[in-house]
Amino acid sequence: MLSLQEHADNKGIWLYLDLSGNMTDLELLYQEFKKNNALIVEPPNDKPWHMCEMLVKDLDDNFLRVGIPLEH
């Protein structure tokens, strides 16, 4: 999902990436971002909508939200 101006105070875009693997894939991606000093706005955490998601911001004020469905 790609969204422009999802939040009025942000001039960048929001991109959502839904992983189809398992929780390990999200953790590996998080560790890779962390190792490369990415601006992690929100580390992976469980959401009420049955997803585990993380939020990363780039230098151009764009946001990447990456998630994976939780087993329920």
Protein backbone atom coordinates (compact mmCIF):
# COMPACT_ATOMS: atom_id res chain seq x y z
CA MET A 1 0.00 0.00 0.00
CA LEU A 2 1.36 3.42 -0.95
CA SER A 3 -0.09 6.54 0.63
CA LEU A 4 0.66 10.21 -0.02
CA GLN A 5 0.05 12.69 2.80
CA GLU A 6 -1.46 10.19 5.17
CA HIS A 7 -0.59 12.57 7.98
CA ALA A 8 -1.02 16.31 7.53
CA ASP A 9 2.23 17.16 9.33
CA ASN A 10 4.32 14.94 7.03
CA LYS A 11 5.36 15.88 3.50
CA GLY A 12 6.62 12.41 2.58
CA ILE A 13 4.91 9.22 1.52
CA TRP A 14 3.97 6.15 3.56
CA LEU A 15 4.71 2.74 2.11
CA TYR A 16 3.35 -0.42 3.70
CA LEU A 17 5.06 -3.76 3.08
CA ASP A 18 3.21 -6.90 4.16
CA LEU A 19 5.66 -9.78 4.60
CA SER A 20 4.46 -13.24 3.69
CA GLY A 21 7.14 -15.15 5.60
CA ASN A 22 7.33 -15.64 9.34
CA MET A 23 8.21 -13.55 12.39
CA THR A 24 11.90 -14.36 11.89
CA ASP A 25 11.82 -12.47 8.58
CA LEU A 26 10.58 -9.31 10.31
CA GLU A 27 13.17 -9.66 13.08
CA LEU A 28 15.99 -10.12 10.53
CA LEU A 29 14.85 -7.05 8.61
CA TYR A 30 14.66 -5.05 11.85
CA GLN A 31 18.20 -6.13 12.82
CA GLU A 32 19.48 -5.18 9.35
CA PHE A 33 17.93 -1.71 9.59
CA LYS A 34 19.29 -1.30 13.12
CA LYS A 35 22.80 -2.41 12.10
CA ASN A 36 22.79 0.20 9.31
CA ASN A 37 21.65 3.01 11.65
CA ALA A 38 18.23 3.44 10.08
CA LEU A 39 15.86 5.81 11.87
CA ILE A 40 13.57 3.29 13.53
CA VAL A 41 10.51 5.18 14.67
CA GLU A 42 8.84 2.11 16.11
CA PRO A 43 10.46 -1.31 16.61
CA PRO A 44 8.43 -4.44 15.81
CA ASN A 45 5.44 -4.71 18.11
CA ASP A 46 2.08 -6.45 18.14
CA LYS A 47 -0.91 -4.41 17.02
CA PRO A 48 -4.58 -4.90 17.96
CA TRP A 49 -5.36 -5.63 14.30
CA HIS A 50 -3.41 -8.94 14.55
CA MET A 51 -0.22 -7.71 12.91
CA CYS A 52 3.32 -7.25 14.15
CA GLU A 53 4.67 -4.08 12.57
CA MET A 54 7.66 -1.75 12.64
CA LEU A 55 8.01 1.80 11.34
CA VAL A 56 11.15 3.25 9.73
CA LYS A 57 11.73 6.79 8.43
CA ASP A 58 14.17 7.79 5.70
CA LEU A 59 16.11 11.04 5.24
CA ASP A 60 13.41 12.46 2.92
CA ASP A 61 10.64 12.12 5.54
CA ASN A 62 9.17 9.02 3.91
CA PHE A 63 7.92 6.22 6.14
CA LEU A 64 8.12 2.47 5.61
CA ARG A 65 5.79 0.37 7.74
CA VAL A 66 6.60 -3.33 7.56
CA GLY A 67 4.29 -5.94 9.01
CA ILE A 68 3.51 -9.59 9.24
CA PRO A 69 0.26 -11.24 10.33
CA LEU A 70 0.16 -12.65 13.83
CA GLU A 71 -1.10 -16.16 14.31
CA HIS A 72 -4.35 -16.14 16.25
